[in-house]
Amino acid sequence: MDAFGVMIGLVLLFGIAAFVLAVVGTVKAAKAVATKIGRHEANARRAVENATLKAKTFTKVGPPGQIAAVRLGLRTSLDGTRQVLESGLPQDGQLGESLALLGRLDTHAAELDGELRMLEREPDTARIAAKLPELRERAERITHSAETMRWAAQDRMHRFADDELSRLSQECESEAGALRHWDTSGESSSASSSGGSAAGAGSAGSAAGAGSAAATGSAGSVSASAGTRSGAASGGAARAGLTDGKGRPSAEELLGLADPLAKLAQRLRKPSAGPTAG
């Protein structure tokens, strides 16, 4: 009974743990989805507002069109700077400080955009004319600060790209030199081969001199031996050598077949008598 109760308790504990994990996972997933939806909603709202402001700059005349142009320029400058800094942040961690400054600048831009929105709904044209230069000057300061950071970040990334390209070019040239290693080895081998050919030519010349001397001596000995042979031939018959085949008995003579073969040859040479001989 105790073992059964322990098993039931373990099953309940596992069930409660699984339920808690499922609830926690569901809550985290819901928060992630809500964050993503909120981000997309903010981007969509900003895109709609930018399109509306761009339309107002072309359709509105007077102070409303000028206010819409100031608001659009402020948003465009901040958005462009943020995109540049966020794109370069994974490669350059120092851009995080620039992003923090851009966040503070974006706060001032949001306050200014709210004031411009309020001024856009102002019915008194005199107040609009009085407040608009000041707000435009503040917008230009914010825009200039954002553009300065954006241009500096672009120059920094361009400089890093040039340095990396220079190092990569040097490495490629070094690798190309290593791949052409036969050039230096070919020069050294050609030098050694030229030295060897010169030495070979000298040795060949000495060998040629020795060969000519030997040929001269051998020619003299040949002429002397020829004179000896001619003297022997004039004095008596030349003796046959061992391997020249002259004066040696034939195979028929060694086997005792010379006389029977001669008789058979004579018999074959006799003309046969025809049928009209008798």
Protein backbone atom coordinates (compact mmCIF):
# COMPACT_ATOMS: atom_id res chain seq x y z
CA MET A 1 0.00 0.00 0.00
CA ASP A 2 2.86 2.39 0.81
CA ALA A 3 4.57 1.67 -2.52
CA PHE A 4 1.32 2.35 -4.37
CA GLY A 5 0.91 5.68 -2.57
CA VAL A 6 4.50 6.63 -3.39
CA MET A 7 3.92 5.88 -7.07
CA ILE A 8 0.74 7.98 -7.08
CA GLY A 9 2.62 10.85 -5.44
CA LEU A 10 5.40 10.66 -8.03
CA VAL A 11 2.88 10.65 -10.86
CA LEU A 12 1.17 13.71 -9.39
CA LEU A 13 4.49 15.51 -8.99
CA PHE A 14 5.44 14.76 -12.60
CA GLY A 15 2.03 15.96 -13.75
CA ILE A 16 2.29 19.21 -11.81
CA ALA A 17 5.83 19.83 -13.10
CA ALA A 18 4.73 19.22 -16.68
CA PHE A 19 1.77 21.57 -16.23
CA VAL A 20 3.99 24.31 -14.80
CA LEU A 21 6.50 23.92 -17.64
CA ALA A 22 3.69 24.08 -20.18
CA VAL A 23 2.29 27.25 -18.59
CA VAL A 24 5.73 28.89 -18.48
CA GLY A 25 6.44 27.96 -22.11
CA THR A 26 3.03 29.25 -23.19
CA VAL A 27 3.57 32.56 -21.39
CA LYS A 28 7.04 33.01 -22.90
CA ALA A 29 5.76 32.17 -26.37
CA ALA A 30 2.87 34.61 -25.94
CA LYS A 31 5.25 37.35 -24.83
CA ALA A 32 7.55 36.70 -27.78
CA VAL A 33 4.62 36.78 -30.19
CA ALA A 34 3.28 39.96 -28.58
CA THR A 35 6.72 41.59 -28.82
CA LYS A 36 7.04 40.65 -32.46
CA ILE A 37 3.53 41.84 -33.21
CA GLY A 38 4.17 45.09 -31.37
CA ARG A 39 7.41 45.62 -33.32
CA HIS A 40 5.71 44.95 -36.62
CA GLU A 41 2.80 47.15 -35.60
CA ALA A 42 5.15 49.99 -34.71
CA ASN A 43 6.99 49.61 -38.00
CA ALA A 44 3.72 49.54 -39.90
CA ARG A 45 2.45 52.61 -38.06
CA ARG A 46 5.70 54.45 -38.73
CA ALA A 47 5.55 53.50 -42.41
CA VAL A 48 1.98 54.78 -42.64
CA GLU A 49 2.91 58.02 -40.87
CA ASN A 50 5.90 58.53 -43.16
CA ALA A 51 3.75 57.96 -46.24
CA THR A 52 1.14 60.40 -44.89
CA LEU A 53 3.78 63.07 -44.19
CA LYS A 54 5.28 62.60 -47.65
CA ALA A 55 1.83 63.06 -49.18
CA LYS A 56 1.27 66.20 -47.12
CA THR A 57 4.51 67.73 -48.34
CA PHE A 58 3.19 67.51 -51.91
CA THR A 59 -0.49 68.30 -51.27
CA LYS A 60 -0.35 70.90 -48.48
CA VAL A 61 0.82 74.45 -49.03
CA GLY A 62 1.96 76.95 -46.51
CA PRO A 63 2.78 76.13 -42.85
CA PRO A 64 1.12 72.66 -42.83
CA GLY A 65 3.28 71.52 -45.71
CA GLN A 66 6.40 72.99 -44.10
CA ILE A 67 5.65 71.24 -40.79
CA ALA A 68 5.12 67.93 -42.61
CA ALA A 69 8.47 68.37 -44.40
CA VAL A 70 10.28 69.05 -41.10
CA ARG A 71 8.74 65.99 -39.46
CA LEU A 72 9.53 63.77 -42.46
CA GLY A 73 13.16 64.91 -42.62
CA LEU A 74 13.59 64.28 -38.89
CA ARG A 75 12.21 60.75 -39.12
CA THR A 76 14.17 59.90 -42.26
CA SER A 77 17.50 61.03 -40.77
CA LEU A 78 17.03 59.11 -37.53
CA ASP A 79 15.83 55.95 -39.28
CA GLY A 80 18.76 55.99 -41.69
CA THR A 81 21.29 56.46 -38.89
CA ARG A 82 19.75 53.66 -36.84
CA GLN A 83 19.88 51.25 -39.76
CA VAL A 84 23.56 52.01 -40.41
CA LEU A 85 24.57 51.62 -36.76
CA GLU A 86 22.58 48.42 -36.23
CA SER A 87 23.97 46.86 -39.41
CA GLY A 88 27.57 47.56 -38.35
CA LEU A 89 27.16 46.63 -34.66
CA PRO A 90 27.88 42.88 -35.09
CA GLN A 91 31.29 43.66 -36.65
CA ASP A 92 32.17 46.70 -34.51
CA GLY A 93 31.15 46.74 -30.86
CA GLN A 94 32.10 50.39 -30.46
CA LEU A 95 28.98 51.35 -32.41
CA GLY A 96 26.95 50.40 -29.33
CA GLU A 97 27.89 53.72 -27.73
CA SER A 98 26.72 55.49 -30.87
CA LEU A 99 23.43 53.62 -30.67
CA ALA A 100 23.01 54.77 -27.04
CA LEU A 101 23.59 58.38 -28.10
CA LEU A 102 21.14 57.91 -30.95
CA GLY A 103 18.56 56.66 -28.44
CA ARG A 104 18.94 59.85 -26.41
CA LEU A 105 18.75 61.89 -29.59
CA ASP A 106 15.63 59.97 -30.62
CA THR A 107 13.99 60.98 -27.33
CA HIS A 108 14.51 64.66 -28.13
CA ALA A 109 13.26 64.00 -31.66
CA ALA A 110 10.08 62.40 -30.29
CA GLU A 111 9.43 65.44 -28.09
CA LEU A 112 10.01 67.73 -31.04
CA ASP A 113 7.73 65.66 -33.26
CA GLY A 114 4.99 65.95 -30.64
CA GLU A 115 5.38 69.75 -30.59
CA LEU A 116 5.26 69.85 -34.37
CA ARG A 117 2.15 67.70 -34.40
CA MET A 118 0.49 70.08 -31.94
CA LEU A 119 1.57 73.07 -34.02
CA GLU A 120 0.12 71.37 -37.11
CA ARG A 121 -3.32 71.49 -35.48
CA GLU A 122 -2.90 75.08 -34.34
CA PRO A 123 -5.57 77.30 -35.94
CA ASP A 124 -3.65 80.54 -35.34
CA THR A 125 -1.38 81.10 -38.31
CA ALA A 126 0.51 83.86 -36.51
CA ARG A 127 1.57 81.49 -33.75
CA ILE A 128 2.57 78.91 -36.33
CA ALA A 129 4.71 81.47 -38.11
CA ALA A 130 6.32 82.45 -34.80
CA LYS A 131 7.03 78.95 -33.51
CA LEU A 132 7.97 77.20 -36.74
CA PRO A 133 11.51 78.71 -37.20
CA GLU A 134 12.51 77.69 -33.68
CA LEU A 135 11.20 74.15 -34.11
CA ARG A 136 12.85 73.90 -37.53
CA GLU A 137 16.17 74.99 -36.03
CA ARG A 138 15.91 72.28 -33.35
CA ALA A 139 15.05 69.71 -36.00
CA GLU A 140 18.11 70.73 -38.02
CA ARG A 141 20.35 70.33 -34.99
CA ILE A 142 18.97 66.83 -34.30
CA THR A 143 19.23 65.92 -37.98
CA HIS A 144 22.82 67.19 -38.20
CA SER A 145 23.85 65.19 -35.12
CA ALA A 146 22.26 62.02 -36.52
CA GLU A 147 23.86 62.55 -39.93
CA THR A 148 27.27 63.17 -38.34
CA MET A 149 27.12 59.83 -36.52
CA ARG A 150 25.88 58.07 -39.65
CA TRP A 151 28.63 59.46 -41.86
CA ALA A 152 31.29 58.69 -39.24
CA ALA A 153 30.04 55.11 -38.94
CA GLN A 154 30.06 54.72 -42.73
CA ASP A 155 33.62 56.10 -42.96
CA ARG A 156 34.71 53.78 -40.16
CA MET A 157 33.26 50.71 -41.86
CA HIS A 158 34.77 51.81 -45.18
CA ARG A 159 38.20 52.24 -43.58
CA PHE A 160 38.00 48.82 -41.93
CA ALA A 161 36.99 47.31 -45.26
CA ASP A 162 39.98 48.97 -47.00
CA ASP A 163 42.39 47.74 -44.32
CA GLU A 164 41.01 44.23 -44.52
CA LEU A 165 41.25 44.32 -48.31
CA SER A 166 44.88 45.48 -48.12
CA ARG A 167 45.80 42.65 -45.75
CA LEU A 168 43.93 40.17 -47.91
CA SER A 169 45.76 41.41 -51.03
CA GLN A 170 49.14 40.97 -49.32
CA GLU A 171 48.21 37.45 -48.23
CA CYS A 172 47.08 36.61 -51.77
CA GLU A 173 50.40 37.90 -53.19
CA SER A 174 52.35 35.84 -50.66
CA GLU A 175 50.33 32.76 -51.56
CA ALA A 176 50.87 33.40 -55.26
CA GLY A 177 54.63 33.61 -54.64
CA ALA A 178 54.50 30.34 -52.73
CA LEU A 179 52.61 28.71 -55.59
CA ARG A 180 55.27 29.92 -58.07
CA HIS A 181 58.12 28.28 -56.14
CA TRP A 182 59.47 26.66 -59.32
CA ASP A 183 60.73 30.05 -60.58
CA THR A 184 63.51 30.32 -57.99
CA SER A 185 64.26 26.63 -58.10
CA GLY A 186 64.40 26.80 -61.91
CA GLU A 187 66.95 29.62 -61.79
CA SER A 188 69.18 27.75 -59.36
CA SER A 189 68.87 24.53 -61.34
CA SER A 190 69.67 26.37 -64.59
CA ALA A 191 72.77 27.88 -62.97
CA SER A 192 73.89 24.48 -61.72
CA SER A 193 73.12 22.91 -65.09
CA SER A 194 75.15 25.59 -66.90
CA GLY A 195 78.09 24.92 -64.58
CA GLY A 196 77.68 21.20 -65.10
CA SER A 197 77.53 21.63 -68.86
CA ALA A 198 80.76 23.64 -68.81
CA ALA A 199 82.44 20.94 -66.75
CA GLY A 200 81.00 18.32 -69.06
CA ALA A 201 82.34 20.18 -72.08
CA GLY A 202 85.83 20.26 -70.52
CA SER A 203 85.72 16.59 -69.73
CA ALA A 204 84.39 15.86 -73.20
CA GLY A 205 87.26 17.81 -74.74
CA SER A 206 89.84 15.92 -72.72
CA ALA A 207 88.13 12.65 -73.56
CA ALA A 208 88.14 13.60 -77.25
CA GLY A 209 91.90 14.32 -77.08
CA ALA A 210 92.61 11.02 -75.40
CA GLY A 211 90.38 9.22 -77.90
CA SER A 212 92.20 10.78 -80.84
CA ALA A 213 95.54 9.76 -79.40
CA ALA A 214 94.29 6.24 -78.79
CA ALA A 215 92.89 6.12 -82.32
CA THR A 216 96.23 7.19 -83.74
CA GLY A 217 98.04 4.48 -81.77
CA SER A 218 95.52 1.85 -82.73
CA ALA A 219 95.77 2.87 -86.38
CA GLY A 220 99.55 2.37 -86.20
CA SER A 221 99.16 -1.05 -84.62
CA VAL A 222 96.58 -2.04 -87.24
CA SER A 223 98.90 -1.09 -90.06
CA ALA A 224 101.72 -3.00 -88.41
CA SER A 225 99.60 -6.12 -88.02
CA ALA A 226 98.46 -5.78 -91.65
CA GLY A 227 102.10 -5.71 -92.74
CA THR A 228 102.83 -8.86 -90.71
CA ARG A 229 99.89 -10.71 -92.24
CA SER A 230 100.86 -9.76 -95.75
CA GLY A 231 104.39 -11.01 -95.08
CA ALA A 232 103.04 -14.32 -93.79
CA ALA A 233 100.76 -14.67 -96.82
CA SER A 234 103.69 -14.14 -99.17
CA GLY A 235 105.83 -16.69 -97.31
CA GLY A 236 103.19 -19.50 -97.19
CA ALA A 237 99.46 -20.38 -96.86
CA ALA A 238 97.54 -18.65 -94.08
CA ARG A 239 96.52 -20.83 -91.21
CA ALA A 240 92.82 -21.17 -90.41
CA GLY A 241 91.50 -19.86 -87.16
CA LEU A 242 89.42 -21.67 -84.68
CA THR A 243 86.12 -19.91 -85.36
CA ASP A 244 86.40 -18.70 -88.97
CA GLY A 245 85.23 -22.09 -90.43
CA LYS A 246 88.15 -22.45 -92.83
CA GLY A 247 89.96 -25.83 -93.06
CA ARG A 248 87.62 -27.56 -90.61
CA PRO A 249 86.05 -30.98 -91.60
CA SER A 250 82.38 -30.91 -92.51
CA ALA A 251 79.66 -32.79 -90.69
CA GLU A 252 79.33 -35.35 -93.51
CA GLU A 253 83.02 -36.14 -93.26
CA LEU A 254 82.81 -36.49 -89.48
CA LEU A 255 79.86 -38.92 -89.81
CA GLY A 256 81.37 -40.94 -92.73
CA LEU A 257 78.58 -40.01 -95.13
CA ALA A 258 80.64 -38.21 -97.74
CA ASP A 259 81.04 -41.18 -100.22
CA PRO A 260 77.36 -42.38 -100.15
CA LEU A 261 76.09 -38.86 -100.62
CA ALA A 262 78.47 -38.29 -103.55
CA LYS A 263 77.27 -41.53 -105.25
CA LEU A 264 73.63 -40.56 -104.75
CA ALA A 265 74.27 -37.17 -106.28
CA GLN A 266 75.93 -38.71 -109.32
CA ARG A 267 73.00 -41.11 -109.79
CA LEU A 268 70.50 -38.27 -109.67
CA ARG A 269 72.45 -36.31 -112.26
CA LYS A 270 72.21 -39.20 -114.88
CA PRO A 271 69.50 -38.57 -117.52
CA SER A 272 66.63 -41.05 -117.40
CA ALA A 273 65.99 -43.14 -120.58
CA GLY A 274 62.74 -42.31 -122.36
CA PRO A 275 60.23 -44.91 -123.77
CA THR A 276 61.53 -44.36 -127.32
CA ALA A 277 65.19 -45.15 -126.45
CA GLY A 278 64.87 -48.85 -127.42
